[in-house]
Amino acid sequence: MRILVVGLGSMGRRRLRNLTHLGGQELAGLELLDARREEVGREAGIPVFGSLEEALGWSPDALVISTPPDQHAPYALAAAEAGLHFFTEASVVTSGMEDVIEAARGRDIVAAPSCTMRFHPACATLRRLIGEGAIGTPLAFTHHVGQYLPDWHPWEDYRTFYVARRETGAAREIVPFELNWLSDLFGPVT
């Protein structure tokens, strides 16, 4: 399988490492920033393209979309319209997603948003224990989460990338990530 990783920032690089570890596929990247594109191409030893058109010319079978959240929809839409499988990082930006869903509907493709925490070993253990009734029937659950933004990208000022913008901010991103696995375990919030 030929997989194009779109966006080669911290998550795109993580996805490249994961896919390289799994093996069995050809990888390429798409990155709009010249310096990052050159650096990742050199480090990973893969072809890295500067435009979507150029990257689609490489004939990928699937896209892994690891751009900032407000840029997921255009790449997902392009993938769906081209009949390509795609995975996107979890997103809190809904603009354009109805078009993506409509374009993917009825096609023989996998269109998958990330829900990584559902598969974490701790969540799997909790799911098993709840399913077995080991703790009775859960009636309520309290959860606290916190993040220190300078740790997200220690190499850059957090105020300069998407976590500092109102539309894509860190709190707006983390709450749905947490609600995803919590709702999977305990059901919808009431």
N, C-alpha and C. Protein backbone atom coordinates (compact mmCIF):
# COMPACT_ATOMS: atom_id res chain seq x y z
N MET A 1 0.85 -1.18 0.00
CA MET A 1 0.00 0.00 0.00
C MET A 1 0.89 1.23 0.00
N ARG A 2 0.50 2.21 -0.77
CA ARG A 2 1.21 3.50 -0.82
C ARG A 2 0.44 4.50 0.04
N ILE A 3 1.10 5.01 1.08
CA ILE A 3 0.44 5.90 2.03
C ILE A 3 1.12 7.27 1.99
N LEU A 4 0.32 8.30 1.79
CA LEU A 4 0.78 9.68 1.79
C LEU A 4 0.44 10.30 3.15
N VAL A 5 1.44 10.76 3.88
CA VAL A 5 1.22 11.45 5.15
C VAL A 5 1.17 12.94 4.83
N VAL A 6 0.02 13.55 5.09
CA VAL A 6 -0.22 14.96 4.78
C VAL A 6 0.00 15.77 6.04
N GLY A 7 0.99 16.65 6.01
CA GLY A 7 1.35 17.45 7.17
C GLY A 7 2.45 16.75 7.94
N LEU A 8 3.63 17.34 7.96
CA LEU A 8 4.78 16.67 8.56
C LEU A 8 5.29 17.40 9.80
N GLY A 9 4.34 17.93 10.57
CA GLY A 9 4.67 18.48 11.88
C GLY A 9 4.84 17.35 12.87
N SER A 10 4.59 17.62 14.14
CA SER A 10 4.83 16.60 15.17
C SER A 10 3.97 15.35 14.97
N MET A 11 2.69 15.51 14.65
CA MET A 11 1.84 14.32 14.48
C MET A 11 2.15 13.60 13.18
N GLY A 12 2.40 14.33 12.12
CA GLY A 12 2.76 13.68 10.86
C GLY A 12 4.03 12.86 10.99
N ARG A 13 5.00 13.41 11.70
CA ARG A 13 6.24 12.67 11.93
C ARG A 13 6.00 11.44 12.80
N ARG A 14 5.12 11.57 13.79
CA ARG A 14 4.78 10.42 14.62
C ARG A 14 4.12 9.33 13.77
N ARG A 15 3.20 9.73 12.90
CA ARG A 15 2.54 8.75 12.02
C ARG A 15 3.56 8.09 11.09
N LEU A 16 4.52 8.85 10.58
CA LEU A 16 5.58 8.25 9.74
C LEU A 16 6.37 7.21 10.53
N ARG A 17 6.72 7.55 11.78
CA ARG A 17 7.46 6.59 12.61
C ARG A 17 6.63 5.34 12.86
N ASN A 18 5.35 5.51 13.17
CA ASN A 18 4.48 4.37 13.42
C ASN A 18 4.38 3.48 12.18
N LEU A 19 4.15 4.08 11.03
CA LEU A 19 4.00 3.31 9.80
C LEU A 19 5.31 2.64 9.41
N THR A 20 6.43 3.32 9.63
CA THR A 20 7.74 2.72 9.34
C THR A 20 7.95 1.50 10.23
N HIS A 21 7.58 1.62 11.50
CA HIS A 21 7.71 0.50 12.44
C HIS A 21 6.85 -0.69 12.00
N LEU A 22 5.63 -0.41 11.56
CA LEU A 22 4.75 -1.49 11.10
C LEU A 22 5.28 -2.14 9.83
N GLY A 23 5.85 -1.33 8.95
CA GLY A 23 6.41 -1.84 7.70
C GLY A 23 5.36 -2.31 6.72
N GLY A 24 5.83 -2.71 5.53
CA GLY A 24 4.94 -3.29 4.53
C GLY A 24 4.25 -2.30 3.62
N GLN A 25 4.65 -1.04 3.65
CA GLN A 25 4.04 -0.06 2.76
C GLN A 25 5.09 0.93 2.27
N GLU A 26 4.75 1.62 1.18
CA GLU A 26 5.58 2.71 0.69
C GLU A 26 5.03 4.00 1.28
N LEU A 27 5.92 4.87 1.70
CA LEU A 27 5.50 6.12 2.33
C LEU A 27 6.00 7.32 1.54
N ALA A 28 5.21 8.38 1.58
CA ALA A 28 5.60 9.68 1.05
C ALA A 28 4.95 10.72 1.93
N GLY A 29 5.38 11.96 1.79
CA GLY A 29 4.83 13.03 2.59
C GLY A 29 4.40 14.21 1.75
N LEU A 30 3.53 15.02 2.33
CA LEU A 30 3.11 16.28 1.75
C LEU A 30 3.27 17.33 2.82
N GLU A 31 4.05 18.34 2.53
CA GLU A 31 4.30 19.42 3.49
C GLU A 31 4.44 20.72 2.72
N LEU A 32 3.71 21.74 3.14
CA LEU A 32 3.74 23.02 2.45
C LEU A 32 4.95 23.87 2.82
N LEU A 33 5.49 23.69 4.01
CA LEU A 33 6.64 24.49 4.45
C LEU A 33 7.93 23.91 3.88
N ASP A 34 8.66 24.73 3.14
CA ASP A 34 9.87 24.28 2.46
C ASP A 34 10.89 23.63 3.39
N ALA A 35 11.23 24.33 4.48
CA ALA A 35 12.28 23.82 5.38
C ALA A 35 11.87 22.49 6.01
N ARG A 36 10.63 22.39 6.44
CA ARG A 36 10.16 21.14 7.05
C ARG A 36 10.13 20.02 6.01
N ARG A 37 9.68 20.33 4.81
CA ARG A 37 9.62 19.34 3.75
C ARG A 37 11.01 18.77 3.47
N GLU A 38 12.01 19.63 3.36
CA GLU A 38 13.38 19.19 3.10
C GLU A 38 13.93 18.38 4.26
N GLU A 39 13.68 18.84 5.49
CA GLU A 39 14.18 18.14 6.67
C GLU A 39 13.59 16.73 6.79
N VAL A 40 12.28 16.61 6.66
CA VAL A 40 11.64 15.30 6.81
C VAL A 40 12.02 14.38 5.66
N GLY A 41 12.10 14.91 4.46
CA GLY A 41 12.51 14.08 3.32
C GLY A 41 13.88 13.49 3.53
N ARG A 42 14.77 14.32 4.05
CA ARG A 42 16.15 13.87 4.31
C ARG A 42 16.18 12.86 5.47
N GLU A 43 15.50 13.18 6.57
CA GLU A 43 15.52 12.30 7.75
C GLU A 43 14.83 10.96 7.49
N ALA A 44 13.68 10.99 6.83
CA ALA A 44 12.89 9.78 6.65
C ALA A 44 13.27 9.03 5.37
N GLY A 45 13.98 9.70 4.48
CA GLY A 45 14.36 9.06 3.23
C GLY A 45 13.18 8.69 2.35
N ILE A 46 12.18 9.57 2.33
CA ILE A 46 10.98 9.33 1.53
C ILE A 46 10.77 10.50 0.58
N PRO A 47 10.00 10.29 -0.49
CA PRO A 47 9.64 11.44 -1.32
C PRO A 47 8.70 12.36 -0.54
N VAL A 48 8.92 13.66 -0.63
CA VAL A 48 8.08 14.63 0.05
C VAL A 48 7.69 15.70 -0.97
N PHE A 49 6.41 15.94 -1.08
CA PHE A 49 5.87 16.84 -2.08
C PHE A 49 5.41 18.15 -1.47
N GLY A 50 5.34 19.19 -2.29
CA GLY A 50 4.97 20.52 -1.83
C GLY A 50 3.56 20.94 -2.18
N SER A 51 2.83 20.10 -2.94
CA SER A 51 1.44 20.41 -3.28
C SER A 51 0.64 19.12 -3.34
N LEU A 52 -0.66 19.24 -3.13
CA LEU A 52 -1.53 18.08 -3.17
C LEU A 52 -1.54 17.47 -4.57
N GLU A 53 -1.58 18.30 -5.57
CA GLU A 53 -1.61 17.79 -6.95
C GLU A 53 -0.38 16.95 -7.23
N GLU A 54 0.78 17.47 -6.84
CA GLU A 54 2.04 16.74 -7.03
C GLU A 54 2.02 15.42 -6.26
N ALA A 55 1.52 15.47 -5.03
CA ALA A 55 1.49 14.27 -4.18
C ALA A 55 0.53 13.23 -4.73
N LEU A 56 -0.62 13.65 -5.24
CA LEU A 56 -1.57 12.69 -5.81
C LEU A 56 -1.01 12.06 -7.08
N GLY A 57 -0.09 12.75 -7.75
CA GLY A 57 0.59 12.18 -8.90
C GLY A 57 1.47 11.00 -8.53
N TRP A 58 1.81 10.86 -7.28
CA TRP A 58 2.59 9.72 -6.76
C TRP A 58 1.70 8.47 -6.68
N SER A 59 0.41 8.64 -6.84
CA SER A 59 -0.60 7.57 -6.83
C SER A 59 -0.71 6.84 -5.49
N PRO A 60 -1.00 7.58 -4.42
CA PRO A 60 -1.18 6.90 -3.13
C PRO A 60 -2.48 6.10 -3.11
N ASP A 61 -2.52 5.10 -2.23
CA ASP A 61 -3.74 4.33 -1.97
C ASP A 61 -4.53 4.93 -0.81
N ALA A 62 -3.81 5.64 0.07
CA ALA A 62 -4.44 6.17 1.27
C ALA A 62 -3.70 7.42 1.73
N LEU A 63 -4.42 8.28 2.44
CA LEU A 63 -3.84 9.48 3.04
C LEU A 63 -3.97 9.40 4.55
N VAL A 64 -2.94 9.83 5.25
CA VAL A 64 -2.98 10.05 6.70
C VAL A 64 -2.89 11.56 6.86
N ILE A 65 -3.95 12.18 7.34
CA ILE A 65 -4.05 13.64 7.37
C ILE A 65 -3.71 14.12 8.77
N SER A 66 -2.53 14.73 8.88
CA SER A 66 -2.00 15.18 10.18
C SER A 66 -1.70 16.67 10.16
N THR A 67 -2.59 17.42 9.56
CA THR A 67 -2.46 18.87 9.51
C THR A 67 -3.12 19.47 10.75
N PRO A 68 -3.01 20.78 10.94
CA PRO A 68 -3.82 21.40 11.99
C PRO A 68 -5.31 21.13 11.72
N PRO A 69 -6.14 21.09 12.76
CA PRO A 69 -7.53 20.68 12.61
C PRO A 69 -8.34 21.45 11.56
N ASP A 70 -8.07 22.73 11.41
CA ASP A 70 -8.86 23.51 10.46
C ASP A 70 -8.47 23.25 9.01
N GLN A 71 -7.51 22.36 8.79
CA GLN A 71 -7.09 22.00 7.43
C GLN A 71 -7.42 20.55 7.07
N HIS A 72 -8.08 19.82 7.95
CA HIS A 72 -8.40 18.41 7.67
C HIS A 72 -9.38 18.25 6.51
N ALA A 73 -10.47 19.00 6.53
CA ALA A 73 -11.57 18.79 5.58
C ALA A 73 -11.15 18.86 4.11
N PRO A 74 -10.37 19.86 3.68
CA PRO A 74 -10.03 19.89 2.25
C PRO A 74 -9.25 18.66 1.79
N TYR A 75 -8.35 18.17 2.62
CA TYR A 75 -7.58 16.98 2.24
C TYR A 75 -8.46 15.72 2.29
N ALA A 76 -9.32 15.63 3.29
CA ALA A 76 -10.22 14.48 3.39
C ALA A 76 -11.19 14.48 2.21
N LEU A 77 -11.68 15.65 1.82
CA LEU A 77 -12.58 15.74 0.68
C LEU A 77 -11.87 15.31 -0.60
N ALA A 78 -10.64 15.78 -0.79
CA ALA A 78 -9.87 15.39 -1.98
C ALA A 78 -9.66 13.88 -2.01
N ALA A 79 -9.37 13.29 -0.86
CA ALA A 79 -9.17 11.83 -0.79
C ALA A 79 -10.47 11.11 -1.15
N ALA A 80 -11.57 11.51 -0.53
CA ALA A 80 -12.85 10.85 -0.78
C ALA A 80 -13.23 10.96 -2.25
N GLU A 81 -13.08 12.16 -2.81
CA GLU A 81 -13.44 12.36 -4.22
C GLU A 81 -12.57 11.53 -5.16
N ALA A 82 -11.33 11.27 -4.74
CA ALA A 82 -10.42 10.46 -5.56
C ALA A 82 -10.58 8.96 -5.28
N GLY A 83 -11.47 8.61 -4.35
CA GLY A 83 -11.68 7.20 -4.01
C GLY A 83 -10.54 6.61 -3.21
N LEU A 84 -9.86 7.45 -2.41
CA LEU A 84 -8.73 7.00 -1.60
C LEU A 84 -9.14 6.84 -0.14
N HIS A 85 -8.63 5.81 0.50
CA HIS A 85 -8.83 5.65 1.94
C HIS A 85 -8.16 6.84 2.64
N PHE A 86 -8.71 7.22 3.81
CA PHE A 86 -8.03 8.27 4.56
C PHE A 86 -8.32 8.16 6.05
N PHE A 87 -7.35 8.62 6.80
CA PHE A 87 -7.39 8.71 8.27
C PHE A 87 -7.11 10.18 8.59
N THR A 88 -7.87 10.74 9.50
CA THR A 88 -7.56 12.11 9.95
C THR A 88 -7.34 12.09 11.46
N GLU A 89 -6.48 12.99 11.89
CA GLU A 89 -6.36 13.22 13.32
C GLU A 89 -7.74 13.69 13.79
N ALA A 90 -8.03 13.52 15.05
CA ALA A 90 -9.31 13.97 15.59
C ALA A 90 -9.41 15.48 15.39
N SER A 91 -10.62 15.94 15.14
CA SER A 91 -10.79 17.35 14.83
C SER A 91 -11.97 17.93 15.58
N VAL A 92 -11.85 19.17 15.93
CA VAL A 92 -12.94 19.89 16.56
C VAL A 92 -13.56 20.88 15.58
N VAL A 93 -13.06 20.91 14.36
CA VAL A 93 -13.57 21.82 13.35
C VAL A 93 -14.52 21.04 12.46
N THR A 94 -15.77 21.44 12.45
CA THR A 94 -16.78 20.70 11.69
C THR A 94 -17.00 21.28 10.30
N SER A 95 -16.51 22.46 10.03
CA SER A 95 -16.70 23.10 8.73
C SER A 95 -16.15 22.22 7.61
N GLY A 96 -17.01 21.92 6.65
CA GLY A 96 -16.61 21.10 5.50
C GLY A 96 -16.78 19.62 5.70
N MET A 97 -17.05 19.17 6.91
CA MET A 97 -17.13 17.73 7.16
C MET A 97 -18.38 17.10 6.55
N GLU A 98 -19.47 17.83 6.44
CA GLU A 98 -20.66 17.27 5.78
C GLU A 98 -20.35 16.94 4.32
N ASP A 99 -19.56 17.79 3.67
CA ASP A 99 -19.15 17.52 2.29
C ASP A 99 -18.27 16.28 2.22
N VAL A 100 -17.39 16.12 3.19
CA VAL A 100 -16.50 14.95 3.23
C VAL A 100 -17.34 13.68 3.40
N ILE A 101 -18.28 13.71 4.33
CA ILE A 101 -19.13 12.53 4.58
C ILE A 101 -19.93 12.19 3.32
N GLU A 102 -20.48 13.19 2.68
CA GLU A 102 -21.26 12.95 1.47
C GLU A 102 -20.38 12.38 0.36
N ALA A 103 -19.16 12.89 0.21
CA ALA A 103 -18.26 12.40 -0.83
C ALA A 103 -17.81 10.97 -0.56
N ALA A 104 -17.69 10.60 0.71
CA ALA A 104 -17.23 9.25 1.07
C ALA A 104 -18.37 8.22 1.03
N ARG A 105 -19.61 8.70 1.18
CA ARG A 105 -20.77 7.81 1.24
C ARG A 105 -20.89 6.99 -0.04
N GLY A 106 -21.06 5.69 0.13
CA GLY A 106 -21.27 4.81 -1.01
C GLY A 106 -20.01 4.40 -1.75
N ARG A 107 -18.87 4.92 -1.34
CA ARG A 107 -17.61 4.54 -1.98
C ARG A 107 -16.98 3.39 -1.19
N ASP A 108 -16.21 2.61 -1.86
CA ASP A 108 -15.55 1.47 -1.22
C ASP A 108 -14.22 1.93 -0.62
N ILE A 109 -14.32 2.84 0.36
CA ILE A 109 -13.12 3.37 1.01
C ILE A 109 -13.32 3.35 2.52
N VAL A 110 -12.20 3.35 3.23
CA VAL A 110 -12.22 3.51 4.68
C VAL A 110 -11.93 4.97 4.96
N ALA A 111 -12.83 5.62 5.70
CA ALA A 111 -12.67 7.01 6.10
C ALA A 111 -12.71 7.02 7.62
N ALA A 112 -11.56 7.23 8.26
CA ALA A 112 -11.47 7.01 9.70
C ALA A 112 -10.90 8.21 10.45
N PRO A 113 -11.69 8.78 11.36
CA PRO A 113 -11.13 9.78 12.26
C PRO A 113 -10.42 9.09 13.42
N SER A 114 -9.41 9.72 13.95
CA SER A 114 -8.66 9.14 15.06
C SER A 114 -9.53 9.07 16.32
N CYS A 115 -9.42 7.97 17.01
CA CYS A 115 -10.03 7.82 18.35
C CYS A 115 -9.08 6.92 19.16
N THR A 116 -7.83 7.34 19.17
CA THR A 116 -6.73 6.56 19.71
C THR A 116 -6.95 6.08 21.13
N MET A 117 -7.48 6.94 21.97
CA MET A 117 -7.62 6.57 23.38
C MET A 117 -8.55 5.38 23.58
N ARG A 118 -9.49 5.15 22.71
CA ARG A 118 -10.38 3.99 22.84
C ARG A 118 -9.59 2.68 22.83
N PHE A 119 -8.41 2.71 22.24
CA PHE A 119 -7.61 1.50 22.09
C PHE A 119 -6.44 1.43 23.07
N HIS A 120 -6.32 2.41 23.95
CA HIS A 120 -5.26 2.40 24.96
C HIS A 120 -5.49 1.22 25.90
N PRO A 121 -4.42 0.53 26.31
CA PRO A 121 -4.60 -0.63 27.20
C PRO A 121 -5.39 -0.33 28.48
N ALA A 122 -5.23 0.85 29.04
CA ALA A 122 -6.00 1.19 30.25
C ALA A 122 -7.48 1.25 29.95
N CYS A 123 -7.84 1.84 28.80
CA CYS A 123 -9.25 1.91 28.42
C CYS A 123 -9.80 0.52 28.11
N ALA A 124 -9.00 -0.32 27.49
CA ALA A 124 -9.43 -1.69 27.20
C ALA A 124 -9.70 -2.45 28.50
N THR A 125 -8.85 -2.24 29.49
CA THR A 125 -9.05 -2.89 30.79
C THR A 125 -10.31 -2.37 31.45
N LEU A 126 -10.51 -1.05 31.43
CA LEU A 126 -11.73 -0.48 32.00
C LEU A 126 -12.97 -1.02 31.29
N ARG A 127 -12.94 -1.10 29.95
CA ARG A 127 -14.07 -1.61 29.18
C ARG A 127 -14.39 -3.05 29.60
N ARG A 128 -13.34 -3.85 29.75
CA ARG A 128 -13.53 -5.25 30.15
C ARG A 128 -14.15 -5.33 31.55
N LEU A 129 -13.61 -4.57 32.49
CA LEU A 129 -14.12 -4.60 33.87
C LEU A 129 -15.57 -4.13 33.94
N ILE A 130 -15.89 -3.07 33.21
CA ILE A 130 -17.27 -2.58 33.20
C ILE A 130 -18.18 -3.63 32.58
N GLY A 131 -17.74 -4.21 31.46
CA GLY A 131 -18.53 -5.24 30.78
C GLY A 131 -18.78 -6.46 31.64
N GLU A 132 -17.80 -6.82 32.48
CA GLU A 132 -17.93 -7.98 33.37
C GLU A 132 -18.76 -7.65 34.61
N GLY A 133 -19.06 -6.36 34.81
CA GLY A 133 -19.79 -5.96 36.01
C GLY A 133 -18.91 -5.97 37.25
N ALA A 134 -17.60 -5.94 37.07
CA ALA A 134 -16.66 -6.02 38.20
C ALA A 134 -16.80 -4.85 39.17
N ILE A 135 -17.32 -3.73 38.68
CA ILE A 135 -17.48 -2.58 39.58
C ILE A 135 -18.96 -2.21 39.74
N GLY A 136 -19.83 -3.12 39.36
CA GLY A 136 -21.26 -2.82 39.40
C GLY A 136 -21.65 -1.99 38.19
N THR A 137 -22.77 -1.29 38.29
CA THR A 137 -23.23 -0.45 37.20
C THR A 137 -22.77 0.98 37.46
N PRO A 138 -21.91 1.51 36.61
CA PRO A 138 -21.47 2.90 36.83
C PRO A 138 -22.65 3.87 36.73
N LEU A 139 -22.75 4.73 37.71
CA LEU A 139 -23.82 5.74 37.72
C LEU A 139 -23.29 7.13 37.44
N ALA A 140 -22.03 7.36 37.78
CA ALA A 140 -21.41 8.67 37.56
C ALA A 140 -19.91 8.48 37.44
N PHE A 141 -19.30 9.42 36.81
CA PHE A 141 -17.84 9.36 36.64
C PHE A 141 -17.31 10.78 36.66
N THR A 142 -16.28 11.00 37.41
CA THR A 142 -15.63 12.30 37.46
C THR A 142 -14.25 12.16 36.85
N HIS A 143 -13.91 13.08 35.99
CA HIS A 143 -12.63 13.01 35.28
C HIS A 143 -12.03 14.41 35.21
N HIS A 144 -10.76 14.51 35.48
CA HIS A 144 -10.04 15.77 35.37
C HIS A 144 -8.91 15.57 34.38
N VAL A 145 -8.65 16.57 33.57
CA VAL A 145 -7.54 16.51 32.63
C VAL A 145 -6.91 17.90 32.58
N GLY A 146 -5.62 17.93 32.40
CA GLY A 146 -4.92 19.20 32.27
C GLY A 146 -3.76 19.07 31.30
N GLN A 147 -3.41 20.15 30.71
CA GLN A 147 -2.30 20.18 29.76
C GLN A 147 -1.47 21.42 30.02
N TYR A 148 -0.17 21.30 29.82
CA TYR A 148 0.73 22.44 29.89
C TYR A 148 1.18 22.72 28.46
N LEU A 149 0.61 23.75 27.87
CA LEU A 149 0.81 24.00 26.44
C LEU A 149 2.27 24.12 26.00
N PRO A 150 3.16 24.71 26.78
CA PRO A 150 4.54 24.75 26.31
C PRO A 150 5.16 23.37 26.09
N ASP A 151 4.58 22.32 26.68
CA ASP A 151 5.09 20.96 26.46
C ASP A 151 4.63 20.36 25.13
N TRP A 152 3.59 20.92 24.52
CA TRP A 152 3.06 20.32 23.29
C TRP A 152 4.10 20.36 22.17
N HIS A 153 4.67 21.50 21.95
CA HIS A 153 5.74 21.69 20.95
C HIS A 153 6.85 22.48 21.64
N PRO A 154 7.70 21.83 22.41
CA PRO A 154 8.71 22.57 23.17
C PRO A 154 9.68 23.36 22.30
N TRP A 155 9.76 23.03 21.03
CA TRP A 155 10.68 23.70 20.11
C TRP A 155 10.13 25.01 19.57
N GLU A 156 8.84 25.33 19.88
CA GLU A 156 8.27 26.58 19.39
C GLU A 156 7.33 27.17 20.42
N ASP A 157 7.09 28.44 20.32
CA ASP A 157 6.18 29.15 21.21
C ASP A 157 4.75 28.69 20.92
N TYR A 158 4.07 28.14 21.92
CA TYR A 158 2.73 27.60 21.71
C TYR A 158 1.76 28.65 21.19
N ARG A 159 2.06 29.92 21.40
CA ARG A 159 1.17 30.99 20.94
C ARG A 159 1.23 31.18 19.43
N THR A 160 2.14 30.45 18.76
CA THR A 160 2.31 30.64 17.31
C THR A 160 1.68 29.53 16.47
N PHE A 161 1.09 28.50 17.09
CA PHE A 161 0.49 27.45 16.28
C PHE A 161 -0.96 27.22 16.72
N TYR A 162 -1.62 26.28 16.12
CA TYR A 162 -3.08 26.16 16.19
C TYR A 162 -3.66 26.07 17.60
N VAL A 163 -2.92 25.60 18.58
CA VAL A 163 -3.51 25.46 19.92
C VAL A 163 -3.82 26.79 20.58
N ALA A 164 -3.29 27.88 20.03
CA ALA A 164 -3.54 29.20 20.60
C ALA A 164 -4.67 29.95 19.89
N ARG A 165 -5.22 29.37 18.83
CA ARG A 165 -6.29 30.04 18.10
C ARG A 165 -7.66 29.60 18.63
N ARG A 166 -8.58 30.51 18.68
CA ARG A 166 -9.92 30.25 19.22
C ARG A 166 -10.59 29.04 18.55
N GLU A 167 -10.52 28.95 17.22
CA GLU A 167 -11.22 27.90 16.48
C GLU A 167 -10.62 26.52 16.71
N THR A 168 -9.35 26.45 17.04
CA THR A 168 -8.65 25.16 17.13
C THR A 168 -7.90 25.01 18.45
N GLY A 169 -8.26 25.78 19.43
CA GLY A 169 -7.53 25.84 20.68
C GLY A 169 -7.40 24.53 21.44
N ALA A 170 -6.43 24.49 22.32
CA ALA A 170 -6.09 23.27 23.06
C ALA A 170 -7.26 22.73 23.88
N ALA A 171 -7.95 23.60 24.62
CA ALA A 171 -9.07 23.12 25.43
C ALA A 171 -10.18 22.60 24.53
N ARG A 172 -10.41 23.28 23.43
CA ARG A 172 -11.43 22.85 22.49
C ARG A 172 -11.07 21.49 21.88
N GLU A 173 -9.79 21.21 21.79
CA GLU A 173 -9.34 19.95 21.23
C GLU A 173 -9.35 18.82 22.27
N ILE A 174 -8.86 19.09 23.46
CA ILE A 174 -8.70 18.04 24.47
C ILE A 174 -10.04 17.54 25.01
N VAL A 175 -11.00 18.41 25.20
CA VAL A 175 -12.29 17.98 25.76
C VAL A 175 -12.94 16.90 24.88
N PRO A 176 -13.06 17.10 23.56
CA PRO A 176 -13.64 16.01 22.76
C PRO A 176 -12.79 14.74 22.74
N PHE A 177 -11.47 14.88 22.78
CA PHE A 177 -10.62 13.68 22.83
C PHE A 177 -10.99 12.85 24.05
N GLU A 178 -11.13 13.52 25.18
CA GLU A 178 -11.45 12.82 26.42
C GLU A 178 -12.88 12.28 26.39
N LEU A 179 -13.82 13.08 25.90
CA LEU A 179 -15.21 12.63 25.85
C LEU A 179 -15.39 11.43 24.93
N ASN A 180 -14.54 11.31 23.92
CA ASN A 180 -14.63 10.19 22.99
C ASN A 180 -14.47 8.86 23.72
N TRP A 181 -13.40 8.71 24.47
CA TRP A 181 -13.18 7.43 25.14
C TRP A 181 -14.08 7.27 26.36
N LEU A 182 -14.39 8.38 27.05
CA LEU A 182 -15.28 8.29 28.20
C LEU A 182 -16.69 7.87 27.78
N SER A 183 -17.17 8.44 26.67
CA SER A 183 -18.49 8.05 26.17
C SER A 183 -18.49 6.62 25.68
N ASP A 184 -17.37 6.18 25.13
CA ASP A 184 -17.27 4.80 24.69
C ASP A 184 -17.40 3.84 25.88
N LEU A 185 -16.82 4.21 27.00
CA LEU A 185 -16.88 3.35 28.19
C LEU A 185 -18.20 3.44 28.94
N PHE A 186 -18.69 4.67 29.12
CA PHE A 186 -19.81 4.89 30.03
C PHE A 186 -21.12 5.26 29.35
N GLY A 187 -21.10 5.46 28.05
CA GLY A 187 -22.31 5.87 27.33
C GLY A 187 -22.38 7.37 27.20
N PRO A 188 -23.43 7.85 26.55
CA PRO A 188 -23.53 9.29 26.31
C PRO A 188 -23.71 10.07 27.59
N VAL A 189 -23.27 11.32 27.55
CA VAL A 189 -23.38 12.21 28.70
C VAL A 189 -24.86 12.55 28.89
N THR A 190 -25.31 12.47 30.14
CA THR A 190 -26.70 12.86 30.44
C THR A 190 -26.68 13.87 31.56
